[in-house]
Structure formats: C-alpha cells, structure tokens
Amino acid sequence: MTNDTPNTPASPPDGPVEFWCRDLLVRFDLELPGTASAISPAVEQVLAIVGESGCAQGKEFEVETSLREALANAVRYGCEHNPGKTIQVSVACDQARGVLIVVRDPGPGFDPAQVPSPVEGECIFASHGRGIYLINQLMDQVEFGRGGTEIRMIKR
C-alpha cells in the first residue's frame, strides 16, 4: 500500500479530475499475471480495500462488475492469456470523490471509438463484446489512455 508523499502538491494542476495523494484515505497498487485465474483474487482484494475505506459505499456491485470486465479485457486482449505478462491495477479512495481504479496492460491497445455498440444491429445477438459498454453504464467516469492500454474508472 502506498500513502502520500511529502512532495505532493497542495492543490492539483489544471487538467482532468485526478485524485491527489494528500487527500486520499487509501492508495493501493497491485500487479497480477495475465491469466483469468488471477482476476477473482485481485477483485476481492480491491473490494476489501474499498469496503474498509468507505469509498463508493453502496456501489460495490458497480465497482466489482466494472473491475472484472476491465481485467477480463486486459487478460484477453492485453496479455493474450500469457501468465508471463503483467497487468497493473491502482486504486485510490477518498470519501468525497469516491474510488478511482486504473487498469493497465502491456498489449497493443485499441481505439474505444471503434468498439461497436452491443445494443445495436447484429451486435445484439453476439455472445461477447459488452464489457466496455457495461463499464460505461456502471461507472460515473471512464477514460482510456496510453493508446487504449489503460482504463481509468471513477465511482462516486
């Protein structure tokens, strides 16, 4: 677990909403192998921390489902089910702003704008392809970075 550092600025610079170490109740970083069997233990760890901190209280279902979907995508597309590749997860909590979860994988990335909607056309009948849609529906803020190899999710 990582706590704030003495060099943390007193106020955030201009730009997207971020979580500043000075205000955090909890900051937690985790690395896991790129296998499906690593997903549940990682999710359980994150949910325990979120629950203990009181961040996103009453929103555990949304956090759990979104994290599982993000990790499943990282395992499948970013790591190609390779246990030698690593997924990074960072969690930041504060009661005023909720929980920020960042999932980063070593894959080639993707353009989220090119992902078809699972609720339109032929995609309605597909047996997969709903993860990003679910994450966007369940979380309050979702951003992609690093060429599509990183997802940042906030739940208040």
Protein backbone atom coordinates (compact mmCIF):
# COMPACT_ATOMS: atom_id res chain seq x y z
CA MET A 1 0.00 0.00 0.00
CA THR A 2 1.29 3.44 -0.87
CA ASN A 3 0.48 6.58 1.09
CA ASP A 4 1.04 10.20 0.24
CA THR A 5 4.49 11.60 -0.26
CA PRO A 6 5.99 14.79 1.15
CA ASN A 7 6.36 16.20 -2.38
CA THR A 8 2.62 16.09 -3.10
CA PRO A 9 1.41 19.49 -4.34
CA ALA A 10 -1.04 21.35 -2.11
CA SER A 11 -3.53 21.74 -4.95
CA PRO A 12 -3.99 19.90 -8.25
CA PRO A 13 -2.78 21.42 -11.51
CA ASP A 14 -5.25 22.21 -14.31
CA GLY A 15 -6.46 19.20 -16.28
CA PRO A 16 -8.67 16.15 -15.87
CA VAL A 17 -10.05 15.26 -12.46
CA GLU A 18 -7.42 13.36 -10.55
CA PHE A 19 -7.00 12.06 -7.02
CA TRP A 20 -4.26 13.80 -5.06
CA CYS A 21 -2.26 11.82 -2.52
CA ARG A 22 -2.69 14.45 0.20
CA ASP A 23 -6.48 13.80 0.27
CA LEU A 24 -6.51 10.03 -0.08
CA LEU A 25 -7.71 7.62 2.56
CA VAL A 26 -6.16 4.70 0.68
CA ARG A 27 -3.92 4.13 -2.29
CA PHE A 28 -3.23 0.57 -3.34
CA ASP A 29 -1.16 -0.80 -6.21
CA LEU A 30 -1.30 -4.40 -7.41
CA GLU A 31 0.28 -6.42 -10.21
CA LEU A 32 -1.21 -9.66 -11.46
CA PRO A 33 -0.33 -12.20 -14.12
CA GLY A 34 -2.23 -12.12 -17.41
CA THR A 35 -4.42 -15.12 -16.63
CA ALA A 36 -8.14 -15.43 -15.93
CA SER A 37 -7.47 -17.21 -12.63
CA ALA A 38 -5.83 -14.04 -11.27
CA ILE A 39 -8.98 -11.92 -11.73
CA SER A 40 -11.10 -13.03 -8.74
CA PRO A 41 -8.34 -12.74 -6.11
CA ALA A 42 -7.47 -9.25 -7.39
CA VAL A 43 -11.12 -8.15 -7.36
CA GLU A 44 -11.56 -9.49 -3.82
CA GLN A 45 -8.51 -7.52 -2.64
CA VAL A 46 -9.76 -4.30 -4.22
CA LEU A 47 -13.29 -4.74 -2.84
CA ALA A 48 -11.92 -5.35 0.65
CA ILE A 49 -9.95 -2.11 0.49
CA VAL A 50 -12.87 -0.15 -0.96
CA GLY A 51 -15.18 -1.57 1.72
CA GLU A 52 -12.80 -0.82 4.61
CA SER A 53 -12.26 2.75 3.43
CA GLY A 54 -15.96 3.55 2.94
CA CYS A 55 -15.35 4.78 -0.60
CA ALA A 56 -18.21 4.19 -3.03
CA GLN A 57 -20.28 2.78 -0.20
CA GLY A 58 -23.36 1.02 -1.56
CA LYS A 59 -21.80 0.91 -5.03
CA GLU A 60 -19.79 -2.28 -4.60
CA PHE A 61 -21.69 -4.14 -7.35
CA GLU A 62 -20.83 -1.47 -9.91
CA VAL A 63 -17.18 -1.39 -8.84
CA GLU A 64 -16.88 -5.18 -8.84
CA THR A 65 -18.53 -5.70 -12.22
CA SER A 66 -16.55 -2.92 -13.89
CA LEU A 67 -13.25 -4.12 -12.45
CA ARG A 68 -13.95 -7.72 -13.53
CA GLU A 69 -14.76 -6.56 -17.07
CA ALA A 70 -11.66 -4.35 -17.28
CA LEU A 71 -9.43 -7.16 -16.00
CA ALA A 72 -11.03 -9.71 -18.35
CA ASN A 73 -10.26 -7.41 -21.29
CA ALA A 74 -6.70 -6.91 -20.06
CA VAL A 75 -6.19 -10.68 -19.77
CA ARG A 76 -7.75 -11.47 -23.15
CA TYR A 77 -6.55 -8.62 -25.34
CA GLY A 78 -3.63 -7.06 -23.48
CA CYS A 79 -1.91 -10.21 -22.22
CA GLU A 80 -3.40 -12.81 -24.54
CA HIS A 81 -3.79 -15.14 -21.53
CA ASN A 82 0.01 -15.15 -21.06
CA PRO A 83 0.98 -15.58 -17.38
CA GLY A 84 4.37 -14.05 -18.18
CA LYS A 85 2.72 -10.70 -18.93
CA THR A 86 1.61 -8.39 -16.14
CA ILE A 87 -1.49 -6.29 -15.51
CA GLN A 88 -1.18 -3.28 -13.21
CA VAL A 89 -4.05 -2.10 -11.03
CA SER A 90 -4.06 1.08 -8.96
CA VAL A 91 -6.85 2.05 -6.60
CA ALA A 92 -7.28 5.42 -4.92
CA CYS A 93 -10.05 6.25 -2.48
CA ASP A 94 -11.35 9.30 -0.74
CA GLN A 95 -14.83 9.68 0.64
CA ALA A 96 -15.51 12.98 -1.12
CA ARG A 97 -14.61 11.80 -4.63
CA GLY A 98 -15.22 8.05 -4.37
CA VAL A 99 -12.92 5.44 -5.84
CA LEU A 100 -10.57 5.68 -8.81
CA ILE A 101 -9.45 2.40 -10.38
CA VAL A 102 -6.81 2.26 -13.09
CA VAL A 103 -6.11 -0.95 -15.03
CA ARG A 104 -3.12 -1.03 -17.38
CA ASP A 105 -1.99 -3.90 -19.63
CA PRO A 106 1.05 -4.45 -21.88
CA GLY A 107 -0.97 -5.03 -25.06
CA PRO A 108 -1.11 -3.14 -28.33
CA GLY A 109 -4.11 -1.07 -27.21
CA PHE A 110 -7.25 -0.18 -29.14
CA ASP A 111 -9.41 2.76 -30.15
CA PRO A 112 -12.51 2.78 -27.91
CA ALA A 113 -14.39 4.79 -30.54
CA GLN A 114 -14.12 1.79 -32.89
CA VAL A 115 -15.84 -0.62 -30.48
CA PRO A 116 -19.37 -1.27 -31.81
CA SER A 117 -22.36 -0.77 -29.55
CA PRO A 118 -23.65 -4.10 -28.21
CA VAL A 119 -27.20 -2.76 -28.20
CA GLU A 120 -27.45 -2.00 -31.92
CA GLY A 121 -27.67 -4.05 -35.10
CA GLU A 122 -26.17 -7.51 -35.30
CA CYS A 123 -24.17 -6.94 -32.10
CA ILE A 124 -27.33 -7.51 -30.08
CA PHE A 125 -27.05 -11.23 -30.82
CA ALA A 126 -23.29 -11.53 -30.15
CA SER A 127 -22.17 -13.70 -27.25
CA HIS A 128 -19.42 -11.24 -26.27
CA GLY A 129 -18.45 -7.58 -26.60
CA ARG A 130 -20.41 -5.98 -23.76
CA GLY A 131 -17.60 -5.24 -21.28
CA ILE A 132 -16.77 -1.67 -22.22
CA TYR A 133 -20.46 -0.86 -22.60
CA LEU A 134 -21.17 -2.21 -19.09
CA ILE A 135 -18.25 -0.29 -17.59
CA ASN A 136 -19.52 2.93 -19.17
CA GLN A 137 -23.02 2.29 -17.84
CA LEU A 138 -21.94 1.37 -14.30
CA MET A 139 -19.16 3.85 -13.56
CA ASP A 140 -19.55 7.63 -13.21
CA GLN A 141 -16.50 8.47 -15.29
CA VAL A 142 -14.47 6.32 -17.70
CA GLU A 143 -11.38 7.40 -19.63
CA PHE A 144 -8.95 5.48 -21.81
CA GLY A 145 -5.28 6.36 -22.01
CA ARG A 146 -1.93 5.18 -23.27
CA GLY A 147 -3.31 4.24 -26.68
CA GLY A 148 -6.06 2.07 -25.20
CA THR A 149 -3.82 0.06 -22.85
CA GLU A 150 -5.15 1.87 -19.77
CA ILE A 151 -8.66 2.44 -18.43
CA ARG A 152 -9.44 4.87 -15.62
CA MET A 153 -12.77 4.37 -13.87
CA ILE A 154 -14.34 6.53 -11.16
CA LYS A 155 -17.31 5.65 -8.99
CA ARG A 156 -18.63 8.25 -6.55
